[in-house]
């Protein structure tokens, strides 16, 4: 089926939009999905998706998804610019392919410029620490530089990542990770960084406990919220988690914010790495940076 988009479900697999390339049995063409009235069009319909494991932590695979514009696969072999996207979720929720929070403008930008998007997962709080998150970020970049190009060659991809044209974008927690990518890994040729409503500074308001609306939702009363936090931490201590459904976990996030837990979670064992803004100010060199914040954000200010 030439020209159909295939969604691949699985790890360490690859897919292409042209019949001569696809060799994965667990695929479903979007054209077939679109024919079913109960399935809505996806933001990712213009892309082919491939999933890879970039590191393993205590038998838990940390994965990265690669989205390649369909039209780019129809052209002569070429090196494509790369957008590395770090998802948001307050370091607690979300995952690399959570569609409601995946920026449509970024997908449109990648599609119009024939850029591939690489979106990694990372360990989430409170099971993990910011040190763990930064370690995952560094492990991803090592995989990206040392393994990803050879993977595309071995799989006979029609495109290659251009390691000299990399833009790093992150939103919310991912905005911090995007900045740390350029701070901690100067060996990566990141040409620009975009941080969207990232918590670069833990202001005093986030350190105090008082009732407040968080993301349009009123958390439980303080005593109940504190109990929920402590029960969750006791239940999940020692776990490795890279996925958190925002719908299911948003109440927990609101509890963390209301009770002043976010600075404690982020700064735990992190030292100076928790102060992203100070690290940025003291950096000897840094690529062009675009920071976007909303004036009426109820969480990040």
Protein backbone atom coordinates (compact mmCIF):
# COMPACT_ATOMS: atom_id res chain seq x y z
CA UNK A 1 0.00 0.00 0.00
CA UNK A 2 2.18 2.83 -1.28
CA UNK A 3 1.64 6.14 0.44
CA UNK A 4 -0.17 4.80 3.52
CA UNK A 5 0.99 5.79 6.99
CA UNK A 6 1.68 2.99 9.38
CA UNK A 7 1.54 3.22 13.17
CA UNK A 8 3.91 0.82 14.83
CA UNK A 9 3.25 -0.51 18.33
CA UNK A 10 6.30 -2.04 19.95
CA UNK A 11 9.90 -1.46 20.88
CA UNK A 12 12.94 -1.24 18.65
CA UNK A 13 10.86 -1.40 15.48
CA UNK A 14 10.81 0.75 12.39
CA UNK A 15 8.31 1.62 9.74
CA UNK A 16 8.08 3.55 6.52
CA UNK A 17 5.32 4.92 4.36
CA UNK A 18 6.40 2.99 1.28
CA UNK A 19 5.51 -0.64 0.81
CA UNK A 20 9.04 -1.75 -0.04
CA UNK A 21 10.29 -0.63 3.36
CA UNK A 22 7.77 -1.79 5.92
CA UNK A 23 8.46 -5.12 7.51
CA UNK A 24 6.58 -4.91 10.77
CA UNK A 25 3.55 -7.10 11.22
CA UNK A 26 2.07 -5.11 14.10
CA UNK A 27 1.06 -2.13 11.95
CA UNK A 28 -2.21 -0.48 11.12
CA UNK A 29 -2.55 2.02 8.26
CA UNK A 30 -4.09 5.33 9.20
CA UNK A 31 -6.22 5.16 6.09
CA UNK A 32 -7.84 2.04 7.56
CA UNK A 33 -8.27 3.70 10.94
CA UNK A 34 -9.82 6.78 9.38
CA UNK A 35 -12.51 4.63 7.80
CA UNK A 36 -13.79 3.73 11.26
CA UNK A 37 -16.18 6.46 12.41
CA UNK A 38 -15.32 6.14 16.12
CA UNK A 39 -11.63 6.99 15.55
CA UNK A 40 -10.75 10.67 15.25
CA UNK A 41 -7.89 12.00 13.10
CA UNK A 42 -4.63 12.19 14.97
CA UNK A 43 -2.17 15.08 15.19
CA UNK A 44 0.42 12.58 14.01
CA UNK A 45 -1.29 11.58 10.76
CA UNK A 46 1.37 13.30 8.62
CA UNK A 47 4.20 11.37 10.27
CA UNK A 48 5.61 7.87 10.47
CA UNK A 49 6.42 6.80 14.02
CA UNK A 50 9.26 4.58 15.19
CA UNK A 51 10.02 3.64 18.80
CA UNK A 52 13.41 2.83 20.30
CA UNK A 53 14.85 2.03 23.71
CA UNK A 54 17.68 4.43 24.54
CA UNK A 55 18.55 3.06 27.99
CA UNK A 56 17.29 0.64 30.62
CA UNK A 57 16.93 1.36 34.34
CA UNK A 58 16.31 -1.67 36.58
CA UNK A 59 14.70 -3.63 33.73
CA UNK A 60 12.52 -0.62 32.78
CA UNK A 61 13.04 0.48 29.19
CA UNK A 62 13.26 4.23 28.59
CA UNK A 63 12.05 4.93 25.07
CA UNK A 64 12.23 7.62 22.44
CA UNK A 65 9.74 8.05 19.60
CA UNK A 66 10.87 9.31 16.21
CA UNK A 67 8.33 11.09 14.00
CA UNK A 68 9.37 11.48 10.38
CA UNK A 69 7.27 13.54 7.94
CA UNK A 70 5.68 11.25 5.38
CA UNK A 71 6.57 13.55 2.51
CA UNK A 72 10.26 13.46 3.45
CA UNK A 73 10.33 9.72 2.82
CA UNK A 74 9.21 10.20 -0.78
CA UNK A 75 12.27 12.28 -1.70
CA UNK A 76 15.87 11.37 -2.39
CA UNK A 77 17.92 10.21 0.62
CA UNK A 78 18.80 13.22 2.72
CA UNK A 79 19.85 14.41 6.17
CA UNK A 80 16.94 16.00 7.99
CA UNK A 81 17.10 18.65 10.71
CA UNK A 82 16.02 17.35 14.10
CA UNK A 83 13.62 18.69 16.71
CA UNK A 84 14.17 17.04 20.08
CA UNK A 85 11.07 17.49 22.21
CA UNK A 86 10.91 17.03 25.98
CA UNK A 87 7.33 16.61 27.17
CA UNK A 88 5.78 18.44 30.11
CA UNK A 89 3.67 17.43 33.07
CA UNK A 90 5.23 19.04 36.13
CA UNK A 91 7.88 16.28 36.27
CA UNK A 92 5.05 14.04 37.53
CA UNK A 93 2.72 13.24 34.62
CA UNK A 94 2.73 12.94 30.83
CA UNK A 95 4.78 10.87 28.44
CA UNK A 96 6.65 11.30 25.18
CA UNK A 97 3.60 10.83 22.95
CA UNK A 98 0.75 12.23 25.05
CA UNK A 99 -1.21 13.68 22.16
CA UNK A 100 -3.37 16.32 23.91
CA UNK A 101 -0.23 18.12 25.10
CA UNK A 102 1.84 17.60 21.95
CA UNK A 103 2.26 21.08 20.40
CA UNK A 104 0.41 21.28 17.09
CA UNK A 105 2.55 24.23 15.95
CA UNK A 106 5.67 22.11 16.40
CA UNK A 107 4.24 19.30 14.31
CA UNK A 108 3.27 21.80 11.62
CA UNK A 109 6.75 23.33 11.75
CA UNK A 110 8.42 19.92 11.41
CA UNK A 111 6.13 18.90 8.58
CA UNK A 112 6.65 22.14 6.64
CA UNK A 113 10.45 22.04 7.06
CA UNK A 114 10.87 18.26 6.65
CA UNK A 115 12.36 17.91 10.13
CA UNK A 116 12.17 14.75 12.17
CA UNK A 117 10.95 14.95 15.77
CA UNK A 118 12.56 12.83 18.47
CA UNK A 119 10.59 12.71 21.73
CA UNK A 120 12.13 10.83 24.70
CA UNK A 121 10.59 9.66 27.92
CA UNK A 122 12.34 10.21 31.24
CA UNK A 123 11.80 9.08 34.80
CA UNK A 124 9.06 10.92 36.67
CA UNK A 125 8.77 12.30 40.18
CA UNK A 126 8.23 11.56 43.02
CA UNK A 127 9.61 8.07 42.35
CA UNK A 128 12.64 9.68 40.70
CA UNK A 129 14.71 12.77 41.48
CA UNK A 130 15.88 15.64 39.29
CA UNK A 131 19.30 13.97 39.28
CA UNK A 132 17.66 10.88 37.75
CA UNK A 133 15.91 13.03 35.15
CA UNK A 134 19.19 14.72 34.19
CA UNK A 135 20.91 11.33 34.02
CA UNK A 136 18.18 10.12 31.65
CA UNK A 137 18.57 13.26 29.56
CA UNK A 138 22.30 12.66 29.24
CA UNK A 139 21.78 8.97 28.43
CA UNK A 140 19.38 9.96 25.67
CA UNK A 141 21.89 12.34 24.08
CA UNK A 142 24.58 9.65 24.20
CA UNK A 143 22.24 7.25 22.41
CA UNK A 144 21.22 9.97 19.96
CA UNK A 145 24.83 10.75 19.00
CA UNK A 146 26.36 7.28 19.13
CA UNK A 147 23.58 4.86 18.19
CA UNK A 148 20.70 6.58 16.40
CA UNK A 149 22.55 7.46 13.15
CA UNK A 150 23.79 3.89 12.76
CA UNK A 151 20.30 2.55 13.46
CA UNK A 152 18.87 4.57 10.59
CA UNK A 153 21.66 3.36 8.30
CA UNK A 154 21.28 -0.29 9.25
CA UNK A 155 17.53 -0.10 8.74
CA UNK A 156 18.02 1.46 5.27
CA UNK A 157 16.09 4.56 6.17
CA UNK A 158 15.62 6.99 3.33
CA UNK A 159 16.59 9.82 5.69
CA UNK A 160 19.28 10.48 8.26
CA UNK A 161 19.39 12.83 11.25
CA UNK A 162 21.51 15.91 10.62
CA UNK A 163 23.56 16.18 13.82
CA UNK A 164 24.55 19.73 12.93
CA UNK A 165 20.95 21.00 12.81
CA UNK A 166 19.29 20.28 16.15
CA UNK A 167 16.65 22.37 17.90
CA UNK A 168 15.70 21.41 21.45
CA UNK A 169 12.15 22.23 22.59
CA UNK A 170 10.50 21.54 25.92
CA UNK A 171 7.31 22.54 27.67
CA UNK A 172 6.69 22.81 31.41
CA UNK A 173 9.12 20.36 33.03
CA UNK A 174 10.47 19.67 29.57
CA UNK A 175 11.40 23.35 29.28
CA UNK A 176 13.92 22.83 32.07
CA UNK A 177 15.22 19.62 30.50
CA UNK A 178 15.68 21.38 27.16
CA UNK A 179 17.84 24.03 28.83
CA UNK A 180 19.80 21.42 30.79
CA UNK A 181 20.41 19.59 27.52
CA UNK A 182 22.46 22.52 26.27
CA UNK A 183 24.04 23.19 29.68
CA UNK A 184 25.06 19.62 30.48
CA UNK A 185 25.88 18.32 26.99
CA UNK A 186 27.90 20.93 25.12
CA UNK A 187 29.15 18.12 22.87
CA UNK A 188 25.71 18.10 21.21
CA UNK A 189 25.41 20.70 18.47
CA UNK A 190 22.13 22.20 19.68
CA UNK A 191 21.54 25.25 17.53
CA UNK A 192 18.64 26.73 19.53
CA UNK A 193 16.57 26.02 22.65
CA UNK A 194 12.87 26.80 23.19
CA UNK A 195 11.57 26.63 26.79
CA UNK A 196 7.79 26.92 27.09
CA UNK A 197 6.46 27.78 30.58
CA UNK A 198 9.27 25.87 32.26
CA UNK A 199 9.74 26.25 36.05
CA UNK A 200 13.17 27.85 35.84
CA UNK A 201 12.85 29.39 39.30
CA UNK A 202 11.05 27.91 42.29
CA UNK A 203 9.46 31.10 43.60
CA UNK A 204 8.58 31.44 47.27
CA UNK A 205 4.87 30.99 46.57
CA UNK A 206 5.52 27.40 45.45
CA UNK A 207 7.35 26.67 48.71
CA UNK A 208 4.43 27.52 50.97
CA UNK A 209 1.33 25.49 51.68
CA UNK A 210 -2.04 27.16 51.23
CA UNK A 211 -5.27 26.46 49.30
CA UNK A 212 -5.04 27.59 45.68
CA UNK A 213 -6.47 26.79 42.26
CA UNK A 214 -4.01 24.80 40.16
CA UNK A 215 -4.58 24.53 36.43
CA UNK A 216 -8.24 25.45 36.88
CA UNK A 217 -8.78 22.77 39.52
CA UNK A 218 -9.20 23.23 43.27
CA UNK A 219 -7.17 20.57 45.13
CA UNK A 220 -8.56 18.64 48.09
CA UNK A 221 -8.45 20.33 51.51
CA UNK A 222 -4.88 20.62 52.85
CA UNK A 223 -5.04 17.75 55.34
CA UNK A 224 -6.58 15.41 52.77
CA UNK A 225 -4.10 16.55 50.10
CA UNK A 226 -1.14 15.89 52.40
CA UNK A 227 -2.47 12.41 53.15
CA UNK A 228 -2.81 11.64 49.43
CA UNK A 229 0.79 12.71 48.81
CA UNK A 230 2.24 10.62 51.64
CA UNK A 231 0.16 7.58 50.71
CA UNK A 232 1.29 7.75 47.07
CA UNK A 233 4.96 8.14 47.99
CA UNK A 234 4.80 5.22 50.42
CA UNK A 235 3.10 3.03 47.82
CA UNK A 236 5.47 3.77 44.92
CA UNK A 237 8.83 4.21 46.66
CA UNK A 238 11.59 2.57 44.64
CA UNK A 239 9.53 2.24 41.46
CA UNK A 240 10.67 3.36 38.02
CA UNK A 241 7.93 5.24 36.17
CA UNK A 242 8.06 7.09 32.86
CA UNK A 243 4.34 7.44 32.10
CA UNK A 244 1.62 9.25 34.00
CA UNK A 245 -1.84 9.85 32.59
CA UNK A 246 -2.59 13.53 33.36
CA UNK A 247 -6.31 12.80 33.61
CA UNK A 248 -5.71 10.19 36.32
CA UNK A 249 -2.87 11.98 38.11
CA UNK A 250 -3.80 15.66 37.92
CA UNK A 251 -5.29 15.69 41.40
CA UNK A 252 -1.97 14.44 42.76
CA UNK A 253 -0.17 17.22 40.89
CA UNK A 254 -2.51 19.82 42.39
CA UNK A 255 -1.81 18.37 45.84
CA UNK A 256 1.95 18.68 45.31
CA UNK A 257 1.59 22.32 44.26
CA UNK A 258 -0.87 23.34 46.97
CA UNK A 259 1.13 21.68 49.74
CA UNK A 260 4.41 23.23 48.65
CA UNK A 261 5.98 19.90 47.73
CA UNK A 262 7.21 20.77 44.22
CA UNK A 263 10.41 22.59 45.29
CA UNK A 264 11.20 19.75 47.71
CA UNK A 265 10.72 17.10 45.01
CA UNK A 266 12.72 18.96 42.39
CA UNK A 267 15.61 20.00 44.63
CA UNK A 268 16.01 16.65 46.41
CA UNK A 269 19.71 15.70 46.15
CA UNK A 270 19.99 17.99 43.12
CA UNK A 271 22.31 20.66 44.53
CA UNK A 272 22.93 23.50 42.08
CA UNK A 273 21.24 21.61 39.23
CA UNK A 274 17.85 22.57 40.69
CA UNK A 275 18.60 26.26 40.10
CA UNK A 276 18.30 26.26 36.32
CA UNK A 277 18.23 30.03 35.99
CA UNK A 278 21.48 30.52 37.94
CA UNK A 279 23.20 27.83 35.88
CA UNK A 280 22.00 29.57 32.76
CA UNK A 281 23.29 32.94 33.91
CA UNK A 282 26.70 31.46 34.75
CA UNK A 283 27.08 29.45 31.55
CA UNK A 284 30.18 30.33 29.54
CA UNK A 285 28.30 29.73 26.29
CA UNK A 286 24.75 28.87 25.32
CA UNK A 287 22.83 28.62 22.03
CA UNK A 288 20.06 31.10 21.21
CA UNK A 289 17.24 30.67 23.73
CA UNK A 290 13.55 31.54 23.51
CA UNK A 291 11.71 31.46 26.84
CA UNK A 292 7.92 31.74 26.85
CA UNK A 293 5.82 32.25 29.98
CA UNK A 294 2.16 33.09 30.50
CA UNK A 295 1.21 35.94 32.81
CA UNK A 296 -1.80 34.11 34.25
CA UNK A 297 -0.20 30.68 34.72
CA UNK A 298 -1.49 29.29 38.02
CA UNK A 299 1.52 27.02 38.51
CA UNK A 300 4.60 28.56 36.86
CA UNK A 301 5.29 32.29 37.21
